[in-house]
Amino acid sequence: MKNATRILKRPLITEKGTDLKEKGNKVMFSVALDANKIEIKKAVEELYGVHVLDVRTMRVKGKSKRWGFRRHQRPDWKKAIVTLGKGETIEFYEGV
C-alpha cells in the first residue's frame, strides 16, 4: 500500500460537503488520481481511526481557462466521498 498521506491530499470543505456530513455521515476528500477505493478506505481508517462503510470516487476534469490569447488547462483531480460508520465523525477543525 502507498503512504496514506500521499493518497489523501486534503479534505474538501464545501457547502455540499457540509450538507453530506450533517445528513448522511459522509466526508469528502481530494485524493491522488491513481488511488483506488480500497486504498482510500485503508488510508482514512489509518489516519482518522474510524470505520469506513463505503467509498465513492469520481474524476473531475480540469477547467479550461484563458489568459490573454493563450488557453490553459487546470489539472484533472479525483474526489472521494467516504461514508463513515454510525456514530463516528471526523473533525477537521475545532471550536466552530
PDB file of N, CA and C in Angstrom:
ATOM      1  N   MET A   1       0.831  -1.190   0.000  1.00  0.00           N
ATOM      2  CA  MET A   1       0.000   0.000   0.000  1.00  0.00           C
ATOM      3  C   MET A   1       0.873   1.249   0.000  1.00  0.00           C
ATOM      4  N   LYS A   2       0.391   2.263  -0.661  1.00  0.00           N
ATOM      5  CA  LYS A   2       1.092   3.536  -0.685  1.00  0.00           C
ATOM      6  C   LYS A   2       0.938   4.241   0.657  1.00  0.00           C
ATOM      7  N   ASN A   3       1.696   5.268   0.860  1.00  0.00           N
ATOM      8  CA  ASN A   3       1.611   6.057   2.083  1.00  0.00           C
ATOM      9  C   ASN A   3       0.241   6.726   2.163  1.00  0.00           C
ATOM     10  N   ALA A   4      -0.402   6.669   3.322  1.00  0.00           N
ATOM     11  CA  ALA A   4      -1.760   7.197   3.484  1.00  0.00           C
ATOM     12  C   ALA A   4      -1.823   8.697   3.248  1.00  0.00           C
ATOM     13  N   THR A   5      -0.765   9.416   3.601  1.00  0.00           N
ATOM     14  CA  THR A   5      -0.778  10.861   3.390  1.00  0.00           C
ATOM     15  C   THR A   5      -0.605  11.233   1.916  1.00  0.00           C
ATOM     16  N   ARG A   6      -0.082  10.325   1.114  1.00  0.00           N
ATOM     17  CA  ARG A   6       0.025  10.574  -0.326  1.00  0.00           C
ATOM     18  C   ARG A   6      -1.289  10.270  -1.031  1.00  0.00           C
ATOM     19  N   ILE A   7      -2.094   9.375  -0.469  1.00  0.00           N
ATOM     20  CA  ILE A   7      -3.375   9.032  -1.072  1.00  0.00           C
ATOM     21  C   ILE A   7      -4.394  10.134  -0.810  1.00  0.00           C
ATOM     22  N   LEU A   8      -4.527  10.562   0.450  1.00  0.00           N
ATOM     23  CA  LEU A   8      -5.463  11.630   0.807  1.00  0.00           C
ATOM     24  C   LEU A   8      -4.730  12.959   0.740  1.00  0.00           C
ATOM     25  N   LYS A   9      -5.092  13.801  -0.209  1.00  0.00           N
ATOM     26  CA  LYS A   9      -4.419  15.088  -0.348  1.00  0.00           C
ATOM     27  C   LYS A   9      -4.946  16.106   0.651  1.00  0.00           C
ATOM     28  N   ARG A  10      -6.280  16.284   0.686  1.00  0.00           N
ATOM     29  CA  ARG A  10      -6.870  17.261   1.598  1.00  0.00           C
ATOM     30  C   ARG A  10      -8.360  16.986   1.714  1.00  0.00           C
ATOM     31  N   PRO A  11      -8.966  17.404   2.819  1.00  0.00           N
ATOM     32  CA  PRO A  11     -10.425  17.306   2.912  1.00  0.00           C
ATOM     33  C   PRO A  11     -11.067  18.430   2.092  1.00  0.00           C
ATOM     34  N   LEU A  12     -12.224  18.159   1.539  1.00  0.00           N
ATOM     35  CA  LEU A  12     -12.958  19.169   0.791  1.00  0.00           C
ATOM     36  C   LEU A  12     -14.064  19.709   1.686  1.00  0.00           C
ATOM     37  N   ILE A  13     -13.909  20.944   2.114  1.00  0.00           N
ATOM     38  CA  ILE A  13     -14.890  21.562   2.988  1.00  0.00           C
ATOM     39  C   ILE A  13     -15.661  22.574   2.148  1.00  0.00           C
ATOM     40  N   THR A  14     -16.816  22.145   1.645  1.00  0.00           N
ATOM     41  CA  THR A  14     -17.667  22.970   0.806  1.00  0.00           C
ATOM     42  C   THR A  14     -19.080  22.925   1.374  1.00  0.00           C
ATOM     43  N   GLU A  15     -19.983  23.667   0.761  1.00  0.00           N
ATOM     44  CA  GLU A  15     -21.377  23.629   1.205  1.00  0.00           C
ATOM     45  C   GLU A  15     -21.961  22.243   1.014  1.00  0.00           C
ATOM     46  N   LYS A  16     -21.688  21.642  -0.129  1.00  0.00           N
ATOM     47  CA  LYS A  16     -22.201  20.303  -0.399  1.00  0.00           C
ATOM     48  C   LYS A  16     -21.600  19.297   0.578  1.00  0.00           C
ATOM     49  N   GLY A  17     -20.308  19.419   0.838  1.00  0.00           N
ATOM     50  CA  GLY A  17     -19.646  18.514   1.763  1.00  0.00           C
ATOM     51  C   GLY A  17     -20.176  18.640   3.177  1.00  0.00           C
ATOM     52  N   THR A  18     -20.448  19.861   3.618  1.00  0.00           N
ATOM     53  CA  THR A  18     -21.007  20.076   4.949  1.00  0.00           C
ATOM     54  C   THR A  18     -22.404  19.492   5.043  1.00  0.00           C
ATOM     55  N   ASP A  19     -23.194  19.636   3.988  1.00  0.00           N
ATOM     56  CA  ASP A  19     -24.540  19.078   3.964  1.00  0.00           C
ATOM     57  C   ASP A  19     -24.496  17.548   4.014  1.00  0.00           C
ATOM     58  N   LEU A  20     -23.576  16.943   3.259  1.00  0.00           N
ATOM     59  CA  LEU A  20     -23.421  15.485   3.281  1.00  0.00           C
ATOM     60  C   LEU A  20     -22.997  15.000   4.668  1.00  0.00           C
ATOM     61  N   LYS A  21     -22.141  15.761   5.325  1.00  0.00           N
ATOM     62  CA  LYS A  21     -21.654  15.383   6.646  1.00  0.00           C
ATOM     63  C   LYS A  21     -22.781  15.407   7.675  1.00  0.00           C
ATOM     64  N   GLU A  22     -23.640  16.436   7.594  1.00  0.00           N
ATOM     65  CA  GLU A  22     -24.735  16.560   8.553  1.00  0.00           C
ATOM     66  C   GLU A  22     -25.835  15.539   8.319  1.00  0.00           C
ATOM     67  N   LYS A  23     -26.200  15.301   7.069  1.00  0.00           N
ATOM     68  CA  LYS A  23     -27.343  14.438   6.766  1.00  0.00           C
ATOM     69  C   LYS A  23     -26.980  12.959   6.597  1.00  0.00           C
ATOM     70  N   GLY A  24     -25.834  12.687   5.992  1.00  0.00           N
ATOM     71  CA  GLY A  24     -25.538  11.305   5.646  1.00  0.00           C
ATOM     72  C   GLY A  24     -24.294  10.720   6.273  1.00  0.00           C
ATOM     73  N   ASN A  25     -23.636  11.458   7.189  1.00  0.00           N
ATOM     74  CA  ASN A  25     -22.406  10.995   7.828  1.00  0.00           C
ATOM     75  C   ASN A  25     -21.344  10.650   6.776  1.00  0.00           C
ATOM     76  N   LYS A  26     -21.183  11.547   5.784  1.00  0.00           N
ATOM     77  CA  LYS A  26     -20.222  11.353   4.708  1.00  0.00           C
ATOM     78  C   LYS A  26     -19.216  12.494   4.719  1.00  0.00           C
ATOM     79  N   VAL A  27     -17.989  12.207   4.274  1.00  0.00           N
ATOM     80  CA  VAL A  27     -16.913  13.187   4.248  1.00  0.00           C
ATOM     81  C   VAL A  27     -16.282  13.153   2.860  1.00  0.00           C
ATOM     82  N   MET A  28     -15.927  14.337   2.331  1.00  0.00           N
ATOM     83  CA  MET A  28     -15.311  14.407   1.010  1.00  0.00           C
ATOM     84  C   MET A  28     -13.822  14.709   1.120  1.00  0.00           C
ATOM     85  N   PHE A  29     -13.038  14.050   0.259  1.00  0.00           N
ATOM     86  CA  PHE A  29     -11.596  14.247   0.201  1.00  0.00           C
ATOM     87  C   PHE A  29     -11.161  14.436  -1.236  1.00  0.00           C
ATOM     88  N   SER A  30     -10.092  15.199  -1.430  1.00  0.00           N
ATOM     89  CA  SER A  30      -9.377  15.223  -2.689  1.00  0.00           C
ATOM     90  C   SER A  30      -8.287  14.163  -2.564  1.00  0.00           C
ATOM     91  N   VAL A  31      -8.232  13.237  -3.524  1.00  0.00           N
ATOM     92  CA  VAL A  31      -7.310  12.104  -3.422  1.00  0.00           C
ATOM     93  C   VAL A  31      -6.419  12.040  -4.657  1.00  0.00           C
ATOM     94  N   ALA A  32      -5.397  11.202  -4.583  1.00  0.00           N
ATOM     95  CA  ALA A  32      -4.480  11.011  -5.706  1.00  0.00           C
ATOM     96  C   ALA A  32      -5.225  10.385  -6.883  1.00  0.00           C
ATOM     97  N   LEU A  33      -4.842  10.759  -8.100  1.00  0.00           N
ATOM     98  CA  LEU A  33      -5.515  10.258  -9.295  1.00  0.00           C
ATOM     99  C   LEU A  33      -5.407   8.743  -9.448  1.00  0.00           C
ATOM    100  N   ASP A  34      -4.307   8.163  -8.999  1.00  0.00           N
ATOM    101  CA  ASP A  34      -4.107   6.727  -9.178  1.00  0.00           C
ATOM    102  C   ASP A  34      -4.583   5.895  -7.989  1.00  0.00           C
ATOM    103  N   ALA A  35      -5.222   6.520  -7.005  1.00  0.00           N
ATOM    104  CA  ALA A  35      -5.706   5.790  -5.829  1.00  0.00           C
ATOM    105  C   ALA A  35      -7.026   5.085  -6.143  1.00  0.00           C
ATOM    106  N   ASN A  36      -7.162   3.850  -5.654  1.00  0.00           N
ATOM    107  CA  ASN A  36      -8.422   3.147  -5.841  1.00  0.00           C
ATOM    108  C   ASN A  36      -9.221   3.155  -4.533  1.00  0.00           C
ATOM    109  N   LYS A  37     -10.435   2.606  -4.572  1.00  0.00           N
ATOM    110  CA  LYS A  37     -11.338   2.681  -3.423  1.00  0.00           C
ATOM    111  C   LYS A  37     -10.783   1.953  -2.200  1.00  0.00           C
ATOM    112  N   ILE A  38     -10.132   0.831  -2.406  1.00  0.00           N
ATOM    113  CA  ILE A  38      -9.588   0.057  -1.284  1.00  0.00           C
ATOM    114  C   ILE A  38      -8.479   0.830  -0.591  1.00  0.00           C
ATOM    115  N   GLU A  39      -7.592   1.458  -1.373  1.00  0.00           N
ATOM    116  CA  GLU A  39      -6.518   2.265  -0.794  1.00  0.00           C
ATOM    117  C   GLU A  39      -7.064   3.478  -0.048  1.00  0.00           C
ATOM    118  N   ILE A  40      -8.088   4.103  -0.597  1.00  0.00           N
ATOM    119  CA  ILE A  40      -8.698   5.265   0.060  1.00  0.00           C
ATOM    120  C   ILE A  40      -9.319   4.846   1.386  1.00  0.00           C
ATOM    121  N   LYS A  41     -10.026   3.737   1.397  1.00  0.00           N
ATOM    122  CA  LYS A  41     -10.656   3.235   2.622  1.00  0.00           C
ATOM    123  C   LYS A  41      -9.615   2.964   3.702  1.00  0.00           C
ATOM    124  N   LYS A  42      -8.544   2.276   3.357  1.00  0.00           N
ATOM    125  CA  LYS A  42      -7.497   1.964   4.339  1.00  0.00           C
ATOM    126  C   LYS A  42      -6.802   3.229   4.830  1.00  0.00           C
ATOM    127  N   ALA A  43      -6.598   4.209   3.948  1.00  0.00           N
ATOM    128  CA  ALA A  43      -5.927   5.452   4.338  1.00  0.00           C
ATOM    129  C   ALA A  43      -6.779   6.247   5.330  1.00  0.00           C
ATOM    130  N   VAL A  44      -8.084   6.334   5.091  1.00  0.00           N
ATOM    131  CA  VAL A  44      -8.965   7.071   6.004  1.00  0.00           C
ATOM    132  C   VAL A  44      -9.027   6.362   7.355  1.00  0.00           C
ATOM    133  N   GLU A  45      -9.139   5.044   7.349  1.00  0.00           N
ATOM    134  CA  GLU A  45      -9.185   4.291   8.604  1.00  0.00           C
ATOM    135  C   GLU A  45      -7.885   4.436   9.387  1.00  0.00           C
ATOM    136  N   GLU A  46      -6.760   4.455   8.687  1.00  0.00           N
ATOM    137  CA  GLU A  46      -5.457   4.571   9.349  1.00  0.00           C
ATOM    138  C   GLU A  46      -5.228   5.972   9.917  1.00  0.00           C
ATOM    139  N   LEU A  47      -5.529   7.004   9.137  1.00  0.00           N
ATOM    140  CA  LEU A  47      -5.240   8.373   9.566  1.00  0.00           C
ATOM    141  C   LEU A  47      -6.216   8.898  10.614  1.00  0.00           C
ATOM    142  N   TYR A  48      -7.488   8.549  10.491  1.00  0.00           N
ATOM    143  CA  TYR A  48      -8.501   9.139  11.364  1.00  0.00           C
ATOM    144  C   TYR A  48      -9.073   8.165  12.390  1.00  0.00           C
ATOM    145  N   GLY A  49      -8.758   6.894  12.312  1.00  0.00           N
ATOM    146  CA  GLY A  49      -9.215   5.928  13.304  1.00  0.00           C
ATOM    147  C   GLY A  49     -10.721   5.730  13.312  1.00  0.00           C
ATOM    148  N   VAL A  50     -11.339   5.703  12.140  1.00  0.00           N
ATOM    149  CA  VAL A  50     -12.782   5.494  12.028  1.00  0.00           C
ATOM    150  C   VAL A  50     -13.042   4.263  11.165  1.00  0.00           C
ATOM    151  N   HIS A  51     -14.287   3.775  11.192  1.00  0.00           N
ATOM    152  CA  HIS A  51     -14.684   2.635  10.374  1.00  0.00           C
ATOM    153  C   HIS A  51     -15.390   3.153   9.122  1.00  0.00           C
ATOM    154  N   VAL A  52     -14.909   2.780   7.946  1.00  0.00           N
ATOM    155  CA  VAL A  52     -15.458   3.249   6.675  1.00  0.00           C
ATOM    156  C   VAL A  52     -16.396   2.185   6.113  1.00  0.00           C
ATOM    157  N   LEU A  53     -17.619   2.604   5.783  1.00  0.00           N
ATOM    158  CA  LEU A  53     -18.603   1.683   5.217  1.00  0.00           C
ATOM    159  C   LEU A  53     -18.557   1.648   3.696  1.00  0.00           C
ATOM    160  N   ASP A  54     -18.366   2.818   3.067  1.00  0.00           N
ATOM    161  CA  ASP A  54     -18.442   2.890   1.609  1.00  0.00           C
ATOM    162  C   ASP A  54     -17.558   4.021   1.100  1.00  0.00           C
ATOM    163  N   VAL A  55     -17.026   3.849  -0.111  1.00  0.00           N
ATOM    164  CA  VAL A  55     -16.230   4.887  -0.764  1.00  0.00           C
ATOM    165  C   VAL A  55     -16.746   5.045  -2.189  1.00  0.00           C
ATOM    166  N   ARG A  56     -17.048   6.277  -2.555  1.00  0.00           N
ATOM    167  CA  ARG A  56     -17.444   6.585  -3.927  1.00  0.00           C
ATOM    168  C   ARG A  56     -16.436   7.573  -4.480  1.00  0.00           C
ATOM    169  N   THR A  57     -15.991   7.336  -5.713  1.00  0.00           N
ATOM    170  CA  THR A  57     -14.979   8.194  -6.310  1.00  0.00           C
ATOM    171  C   THR A  57     -15.471   8.763  -7.627  1.00  0.00           C
ATOM    172  N   MET A  58     -14.898   9.903  -7.998  1.00  0.00           N
ATOM    173  CA  MET A  58     -15.185  10.489  -9.297  1.00  0.00           C
ATOM    174  C   MET A  58     -13.982  11.316  -9.755  1.00  0.00           C
ATOM    175  N   ARG A  59     -13.748  11.298 -11.042  1.00  0.00           N
ATOM    176  CA  ARG A  59     -12.685  12.117 -11.621  1.00  0.00           C
ATOM    177  C   ARG A  59     -13.295  13.429 -12.073  1.00  0.00           C
ATOM    178  N   VAL A  60     -12.662  14.529 -11.692  1.00  0.00           N
ATOM    179  CA  VAL A  60     -13.140  15.856 -12.044  1.00  0.00           C
ATOM    180  C   VAL A  60     -12.201  16.417 -13.101  1.00  0.00           C
ATOM    181  N   LYS A  61     -12.777  16.777 -14.227  1.00  0.00           N
ATOM    182  CA  LYS A  61     -11.981  17.312 -15.320  1.00  0.00           C
ATOM    183  C   LYS A  61     -11.588  18.748 -15.013  1.00  0.00           C
ATOM    184  N   GLY A  62     -10.325  19.100 -15.275  1.00  0.00           N
ATOM    185  CA  GLY A  62      -9.835  20.452 -15.022  1.00  0.00           C
ATOM    186  C   GLY A  62     -10.467  21.455 -15.969  1.00  0.00           C
ATOM    187  N   LYS A  63     -10.704  22.645 -15.484  1.00  0.00           N
ATOM    188  CA  LYS A  63     -11.337  23.685 -16.291  1.00  0.00           C
ATOM    189  C   LYS A  63     -10.350  24.277 -17.289  1.00  0.00           C
ATOM    190  N   SER A  64     -10.873  24.701 -18.413  1.00  0.00           N
ATOM    191  CA  SER A  64     -10.082  25.393 -19.415  1.00  0.00           C
ATOM    192  C   SER A  64     -10.178  26.885 -19.139  1.00  0.00           C
ATOM    193  N   LYS A  65      -9.049  27.539 -19.019  1.00  0.00           N
ATOM    194  CA  LYS A  65      -9.015  28.968 -18.712  1.00  0.00           C
ATOM    195  C   LYS A  65      -8.237  29.711 -19.795  1.00  0.00           C
ATOM    196  N   ARG A  66      -8.540  31.004 -19.939  1.00  0.00           N
ATOM    197  CA  ARG A  66      -7.822  31.845 -20.890  1.00  0.00           C
ATOM    198  C   ARG A  66      -7.038  32.896 -20.147  1.00  0.00           C
ATOM    199  N   TRP A  67      -5.855  33.167 -20.655  1.00  0.00           N
ATOM    200  CA  TRP A  67      -5.018  34.231 -20.127  1.00  0.00           C
ATOM    201  C   TRP A  67      -4.513  34.993 -21.342  1.00  0.00           C
ATOM    202  N   GLY A  68      -5.192  36.068 -21.680  1.00  0.00           N
ATOM    203  CA  GLY A  68      -4.885  36.766 -22.919  1.00  0.00           C
ATOM    204  C   GLY A  68      -5.332  35.917 -24.095  1.00  0.00           C
ATOM    205  N   PHE A  69      -4.407  35.673 -25.024  1.00  0.00           N
ATOM    206  CA  PHE A  69      -4.721  34.842 -26.178  1.00  0.00           C
ATOM    207  C   PHE A  69      -4.490  33.362 -25.913  1.00  0.00           C
ATOM    208  N   ARG A  70      -3.840  33.065 -24.819  1.00  0.00           N
ATOM    209  CA  ARG A  70      -3.468  31.678 -24.557  1.00  0.00           C
ATOM    210  C   ARG A  70      -4.530  30.950 -23.750  1.00  0.00           C
ATOM    211  N   ARG A  71      -4.664  29.690 -24.020  1.00  0.00           N
ATOM    212  CA  ARG A  71      -5.577  28.839 -23.256  1.00  0.00           C
ATOM    213  C   ARG A  71      -4.742  27.933 -22.351  1.00  0.00           C
ATOM    214  N   HIS A  72      -5.198  27.806 -21.130  1.00  0.00           N
ATOM    215  CA  HIS A  72      -4.529  26.943 -20.164  1.00  0.00           C
ATOM    216  C   HIS A  72      -5.535  25.955 -19.613  1.00  0.00           C
ATOM    217  N   GLN A  73      -5.066  24.778 -19.291  1.00  0.00           N
ATOM    218  CA  GLN A  73      -5.906  23.722 -18.748  1.00  0.00           C
ATOM    219  C   GLN A  73      -5.492  23.455 -17.309  1.00  0.00           C
ATOM    220  N   ARG A  74      -6.438  23.593 -16.376  1.00  0.00           N
ATOM    221  CA  ARG A  74      -6.143  23.226 -14.999  1.00  0.00           C
ATOM    222  C   ARG A  74      -6.066  21.711 -14.918  1.00  0.00           C
ATOM    223  N   PRO A  75      -5.309  21.180 -13.961  1.00  0.00           N
ATOM    224  CA  PRO A  75      -5.135  19.727 -13.913  1.00  0.00           C
ATOM    225  C   PRO A  75      -6.409  18.999 -13.489  1.00  0.00           C
ATOM    226  N   ASP A  76      -6.566  17.770 -13.993  1.00  0.00           N
ATOM    227  CA  ASP A  76      -7.647  16.900 -13.549  1.00  0.00           C
ATOM    228  C   ASP A  76      -7.362  16.459 -12.117  1.00  0.00           C
ATOM    229  N   TRP A  77      -8.414  16.139 -11.361  1.00  0.00           N
ATOM    230  CA  TRP A  77      -8.232  15.677  -9.993  1.00  0.00           C
ATOM    231  C   TRP A  77      -9.324  14.681  -9.658  1.00  0.00           C
ATOM    232  N   LYS A  78      -9.161  14.000  -8.537  1.00  0.00           N
ATOM    233  CA  LYS A  78     -10.090  12.952  -8.146  1.00  0.00           C
ATOM    234  C   LYS A  78     -10.696  13.279  -6.790  1.00  0.00           C
ATOM    235  N   LYS A  79     -12.004  13.046  -6.665  1.00  0.00           N
ATOM    236  CA  LYS A  79     -12.755  13.329  -5.449  1.00  0.00           C
ATOM    237  C   LYS A  79     -13.279  12.009  -4.894  1.00  0.00           C
ATOM    238  N   ALA A  80     -13.250  11.857  -3.575  1.00  0.00           N
ATOM    239  CA  ALA A  80     -13.795  10.665  -2.926  1.00  0.00           C
ATOM    240  C   ALA A  80     -14.795  11.088  -1.863  1.00  0.00           C
ATOM    241  N   ILE A  81     -15.961  10.430  -1.869  1.00  0.00           N
ATOM    242  CA  ILE A  81     -16.967  10.633  -0.831  1.00  0.00           C
ATOM    243  C   ILE A  81     -16.973   9.370   0.017  1.00  0.00           C
ATOM    244  N   VAL A  82     -16.614   9.534   1.295  1.00  0.00           N
ATOM    245  CA  VAL A  82     -16.429   8.404   2.210  1.00  0.00           C
ATOM    246  C   VAL A  82     -17.591   8.378   3.194  1.00  0.00           C
ATOM    247  N   THR A  83     -18.279   7.230   3.288  1.00  0.00           N
ATOM    248  CA  THR A  83     -19.355   7.054   4.252  1.00  0.00           C
ATOM    249  C   THR A  83     -18.779   6.421   5.506  1.00  0.00           C
ATOM    250  N   LEU A  84     -18.993   7.071   6.649  1.00  0.00           N
ATOM    251  CA  LEU A  84     -18.456   6.592   7.923  1.00  0.00           C
ATOM    252  C   LEU A  84     -19.480   5.730   8.648  1.00  0.00           C
ATOM    253  N   GLY A  85     -18.989   4.946   9.602  1.00  0.00           N
ATOM    254  CA  GLY A  85     -19.865   4.119  10.421  1.00  0.00           C
ATOM    255  C   GLY A  85     -20.772   4.968  11.290  1.00  0.00           C
ATOM    256  N   LYS A  86     -21.830   4.355  11.782  1.00  0.00           N
ATOM    257  CA  LYS A  86     -22.807   5.078  12.594  1.00  0.00           C
ATOM    258  C   LYS A  86     -22.163   5.588  13.875  1.00  0.00           C
ATOM    259  N   GLY A  87     -22.390   6.857  14.173  1.00  0.00           N
ATOM    260  CA  GLY A  87     -21.861   7.466  15.390  1.00  0.00           C
ATOM    261  C   GLY A  87     -20.424   7.938  15.304  1.00  0.00           C
ATOM    262  N   GLU A  88     -19.762   7.776  14.164  1.00  0.00           N
ATOM    263  CA  GLU A  88     -18.378   8.203  14.007  1.00  0.00           C
ATOM    264  C   GLU A  88     -18.322   9.489  13.196  1.00  0.00           C
ATOM    265  N   THR A  89     -17.394  10.362  13.557  1.00  0.00           N
ATOM    266  CA  THR A  89     -17.220  11.619  12.844  1.00  0.00           C
ATOM    267  C   THR A  89     -15.731  11.921  12.682  1.00  0.00           C
ATOM    268  N   ILE A  90     -15.450  12.796  11.743  1.00  0.00           N
ATOM    269  CA  ILE A  90     -14.097  13.322  11.558  1.00  0.00           C
ATOM    270  C   ILE A  90     -14.209  14.835  11.685  1.00  0.00           C
ATOM    271  N   GLU A  91     -13.480  15.413  12.624  1.00  0.00           N
ATOM    272  CA  GLU A  91     -13.481  16.864  12.804  1.00  0.00           C
ATOM    273  C   GLU A  91     -12.181  17.416  12.214  1.00  0.00           C
ATOM    274  N   PHE A  92     -12.306  18.302  11.216  1.00  0.00           N
ATOM    275  CA  PHE A  92     -11.146  18.889  10.579  1.00  0.00           C
ATOM    276  C   PHE A  92     -10.686  20.152  11.273  1.00  0.00           C
ATOM    277  N   TYR A  93     -11.576  20.803  11.988  1.00  0.00           N
ATOM    278  CA  TYR A  93     -11.228  21.996  12.736  1.00  0.00           C
ATOM    279  C   TYR A  93     -12.075  22.012  14.002  1.00  0.00           C
ATOM    280  N   GLU A  94     -11.533  22.626  15.048  1.00  0.00           N
ATOM    281  CA  GLU A  94     -12.195  22.612  16.340  1.00  0.00           C
ATOM    282  C   GLU A  94     -12.727  23.995  16.697  1.00  0.00           C
ATOM    283  N   GLY A  95     -13.728  24.021  17.542  1.00  0.00           N
ATOM    284  CA  GLY A  95     -14.224  25.263  18.085  1.00  0.00           C
ATOM    285  C   GLY A  95     -15.179  26.042  17.225  1.00  0.00           C
ATOM    286  N   VAL A  96     -15.619  25.473  16.116  1.00  0.00           N
ATOM    287  CA  VAL A  96     -16.560  26.203  15.258  1.00  0.00           C
ATOM    288  C   VAL A  96     -17.895  25.525  15.297  1.00  0.00           C
TER     289      VAL A  96
END
